[in-house]
Amino acid sequence: FDVCIFLDDVRKAHADHGLVYLQKQILSQLLKEENVQVWNVYSGIAWIKRCVCNKAVLLALDNVEQSEQLEKLVGEKDWFGLRSRIIITTRNQLVLVTHGVEKPYELKGLNNDEALQLFSWKAFRKHEPEEDYAEQSKSFVKYAGGLPLALKTLGPFLNGRSPDEWNSALAKLHQTPNITV
């Protein structure tokens, strides 16, 4: 690839700074310049199109939430050179469908054994749960649905807590799911 670009947490960056900010991030990496001036979203679109049309670009967009984000950041397939690749991570499959993504790939979560082992490393610092916490550990693993980030978040949170605190935490999660998990 001529240039590789990674935009972390597009959803948050868009909410905090807007699409022009994200376009500037792309253009800064394409042009290898710090202070790229983009006046509005439409001038950003035109500039990105001009810069990527003859290049092999690897562009990764993390946590895309809205189809508008894709429209304004990557536009159509004909924007990019032939050897370019765009990788999009999203929790919203509709974003990909709306944008006409040709080859969506859905990542599978960890299987139960892998998930329990990861959770155990994070909660107990060993490869299996402590005996007193075995059933509760399985409940948290089931709640996490095999998602590594959820397991990595829950494990340290529960580390060192009593079984009663574990039960309380699980009850609260089922009552009011924490969307950051």
Protein backbone atom coordinates (compact mmCIF):
# COMPACT_ATOMS: atom_id res chain seq x y z
CA PHE A 1 0.00 0.00 0.00
CA ASP A 2 1.11 3.55 -0.67
CA VAL A 3 -0.44 4.73 2.58
CA CYS A 4 -2.09 3.07 5.59
CA ILE A 5 -4.61 5.01 7.69
CA PHE A 6 -6.38 4.03 10.89
CA LEU A 7 -9.18 6.10 12.40
CA ASP A 8 -9.92 5.00 15.95
CA ASP A 9 -13.49 5.19 17.30
CA VAL A 10 -15.15 7.09 14.47
CA ARG A 11 -18.41 7.28 16.45
CA LYS A 12 -16.79 9.15 19.35
CA ALA A 13 -14.57 11.37 17.18
CA HIS A 14 -17.60 12.33 15.07
CA ALA A 15 -19.65 13.16 18.19
CA ASP A 16 -16.81 15.11 19.82
CA HIS A 17 -15.27 16.89 16.82
CA GLY A 18 -17.40 16.38 13.68
CA LEU A 19 -16.82 14.88 10.25
CA VAL A 20 -14.50 17.65 9.06
CA TYR A 21 -12.11 16.68 11.87
CA LEU A 22 -12.13 13.06 10.66
CA GLN A 23 -11.59 14.17 7.07
CA LYS A 24 -8.60 16.20 8.24
CA GLN A 25 -7.23 13.09 9.96
CA ILE A 26 -7.42 11.15 6.69
CA LEU A 27 -5.91 13.98 4.65
CA SER A 28 -3.11 14.60 7.15
CA GLN A 29 -2.01 10.99 6.82
CA LEU A 30 -2.44 10.96 3.04
CA LEU A 31 -0.47 14.16 2.54
CA LYS A 32 1.90 13.66 5.48
CA GLU A 33 1.08 17.17 6.68
CA GLU A 34 0.00 18.19 10.18
CA ASN A 35 -2.24 21.21 9.59
CA VAL A 36 -4.49 20.40 6.66
CA GLN A 37 -7.19 23.03 6.08
CA VAL A 38 -10.66 21.70 5.29
CA TRP A 39 -13.38 24.35 5.25
CA ASN A 40 -16.45 22.12 5.22
CA VAL A 41 -17.52 18.52 4.68
CA TYR A 42 -17.96 18.99 0.92
CA SER A 43 -14.50 20.44 0.35
CA GLY A 44 -13.19 17.54 2.45
CA ILE A 45 -14.96 15.06 0.18
CA ALA A 46 -13.50 16.66 -2.95
CA TRP A 47 -10.00 16.71 -1.49
CA ILE A 48 -10.11 13.11 -0.28
CA LYS A 49 -11.37 11.96 -3.70
CA ARG A 50 -8.50 13.74 -5.45
CA CYS A 51 -5.88 12.35 -3.07
CA VAL A 52 -6.90 8.69 -3.07
CA CYS A 53 -7.96 8.06 -6.67
CA ASN A 54 -4.52 6.96 -7.90
CA LYS A 55 -3.15 5.44 -4.69
CA ALA A 56 -3.28 2.03 -3.09
CA VAL A 57 -4.72 2.94 0.30
CA LEU A 58 -5.39 0.74 3.30
CA LEU A 59 -7.99 2.58 5.35
CA ALA A 60 -9.37 1.15 8.60
CA LEU A 61 -12.33 2.84 10.25
CA ASP A 62 -13.12 1.64 13.76
CA ASN A 63 -16.58 1.78 15.34
CA VAL A 64 -18.54 3.38 12.51
CA GLU A 65 -22.07 4.11 13.68
CA GLN A 66 -23.83 5.95 10.83
CA SER A 67 -23.91 5.55 7.07
CA GLU A 68 -23.28 9.32 6.80
CA GLN A 69 -19.83 8.73 8.28
CA LEU A 70 -18.98 6.34 5.44
CA GLU A 71 -20.50 8.63 2.81
CA LYS A 72 -18.36 11.57 3.91
CA LEU A 73 -15.14 9.67 4.68
CA VAL A 74 -14.88 6.96 2.02
CA GLY A 75 -17.65 7.82 -0.43
CA GLU A 76 -17.96 5.40 -3.31
CA LYS A 77 -15.71 2.58 -4.54
CA ASP A 78 -14.53 4.69 -7.47
CA TRP A 79 -12.88 7.19 -5.10
CA PHE A 80 -10.00 4.81 -4.39
CA GLY A 81 -7.29 3.24 -6.52
CA LEU A 82 -7.69 -0.37 -7.66
CA ARG A 83 -5.49 -1.98 -5.00
CA SER A 84 -7.06 -0.06 -2.12
CA ARG A 85 -8.79 -1.81 0.76
CA ILE A 86 -11.19 -0.36 3.31
CA ILE A 87 -11.82 -2.12 6.60
CA ILE A 88 -14.83 -1.01 8.63
CA THR A 89 -15.73 -2.16 12.12
CA THR A 90 -19.28 -1.53 13.25
CA ARG A 91 -21.89 -2.93 15.58
CA ASN A 92 -24.60 -1.82 13.14
CA GLN A 93 -24.85 -4.17 10.15
CA LEU A 94 -27.32 -1.76 8.52
CA VAL A 95 -24.50 0.78 8.05
CA LEU A 96 -22.70 -1.71 5.81
CA VAL A 97 -25.84 -2.70 3.90
CA THR A 98 -26.84 0.93 3.34
CA HIS A 99 -23.39 1.76 2.03
CA GLY A 100 -23.32 -1.25 -0.30
CA VAL A 101 -20.35 -3.02 1.27
CA GLU A 102 -19.61 -6.03 -0.94
CA LYS A 103 -17.87 -8.45 1.40
CA PRO A 104 -19.01 -8.02 4.99
CA TYR A 105 -17.32 -10.39 7.41
CA GLU A 106 -18.87 -11.01 10.78
CA LEU A 107 -16.41 -11.84 13.52
CA LYS A 108 -17.42 -14.66 15.77
CA GLY A 109 -17.02 -14.40 19.53
CA LEU A 110 -14.90 -16.77 21.57
CA ASN A 111 -16.33 -20.21 22.30
CA ASN A 112 -17.31 -20.96 25.91
CA ASP A 113 -13.99 -22.59 26.84
CA GLU A 114 -11.90 -19.76 25.37
CA ALA A 115 -14.17 -17.14 26.93
CA LEU A 116 -14.00 -18.76 30.37
CA GLN A 117 -10.21 -18.96 30.17
CA LEU A 118 -9.87 -15.28 29.18
CA PHE A 119 -12.32 -14.22 31.87
CA SER A 120 -10.43 -16.31 34.45
CA TRP A 121 -7.11 -14.71 33.52
CA LYS A 122 -8.63 -11.29 34.04
CA ALA A 123 -10.65 -12.08 37.18
CA PHE A 124 -8.34 -14.55 38.97
CA ARG A 125 -4.99 -14.28 37.18
CA LYS A 126 -5.09 -18.00 36.36
CA HIS A 127 -6.48 -20.14 33.53
CA GLU A 128 -9.60 -21.36 35.33
CA PRO A 129 -11.99 -19.84 37.85
CA GLU A 130 -11.62 -20.41 41.56
CA GLU A 131 -13.89 -23.19 42.78
CA ASP A 132 -16.19 -20.88 44.77
CA TYR A 133 -16.73 -18.73 41.68
CA ALA A 134 -17.09 -21.39 38.96
CA GLU A 135 -20.83 -21.07 38.36
CA GLN A 136 -20.83 -17.30 38.64
CA SER A 137 -17.92 -17.13 36.19
CA LYS A 138 -19.95 -19.15 33.68
CA SER A 139 -22.84 -16.72 34.13
CA PHE A 140 -20.62 -13.72 33.39
CA VAL A 141 -19.12 -15.50 30.37
CA LYS A 142 -22.63 -16.20 29.08
CA TYR A 143 -23.58 -12.55 29.65
CA ALA A 144 -20.51 -11.38 27.68
CA GLY A 145 -21.54 -13.51 24.70
CA GLY A 146 -17.97 -14.45 23.81
CA LEU A 147 -16.91 -10.83 23.26
CA PRO A 148 -13.28 -10.45 24.36
CA LEU A 149 -13.59 -6.77 25.28
CA ALA A 150 -16.56 -7.47 27.56
CA LEU A 151 -14.62 -10.29 29.25
CA LYS A 152 -11.55 -8.08 29.65
CA THR A 153 -13.71 -5.39 31.22
CA LEU A 154 -15.73 -7.60 33.56
CA GLY A 155 -12.84 -9.72 34.84
CA PRO A 156 -10.75 -6.97 36.45
CA PHE A 157 -13.89 -5.27 37.77
CA LEU A 158 -14.80 -8.44 39.68
CA ASN A 159 -11.29 -9.32 40.80
CA GLY A 160 -11.02 -9.46 44.59
CA ARG A 161 -14.75 -9.06 45.19
CA SER A 162 -16.89 -11.40 47.28
CA PRO A 163 -19.38 -13.90 45.81
CA ASP A 164 -22.22 -11.67 47.04
CA GLU A 165 -20.74 -8.71 45.16
CA TRP A 166 -20.50 -10.89 42.05
CA ASN A 167 -24.18 -11.85 42.36
CA SER A 168 -25.14 -8.23 42.83
CA ALA A 169 -23.10 -7.11 39.81
CA LEU A 170 -24.63 -9.81 37.59
CA ALA A 171 -28.15 -8.88 38.72
CA LYS A 172 -27.47 -5.22 37.94
CA LEU A 173 -26.10 -6.07 34.50
CA HIS A 174 -29.21 -8.08 33.66
CA GLN A 175 -31.42 -5.27 34.97
CA THR A 176 -29.60 -2.41 33.26
CA PRO A 177 -27.04 -3.60 30.71
CA ASN A 178 -23.89 -1.51 30.62
CA ILE A 179 -23.43 -0.51 26.98
CA THR A 180 -19.74 0.14 27.53
CA VAL A 181 -19.19 -3.56 28.34
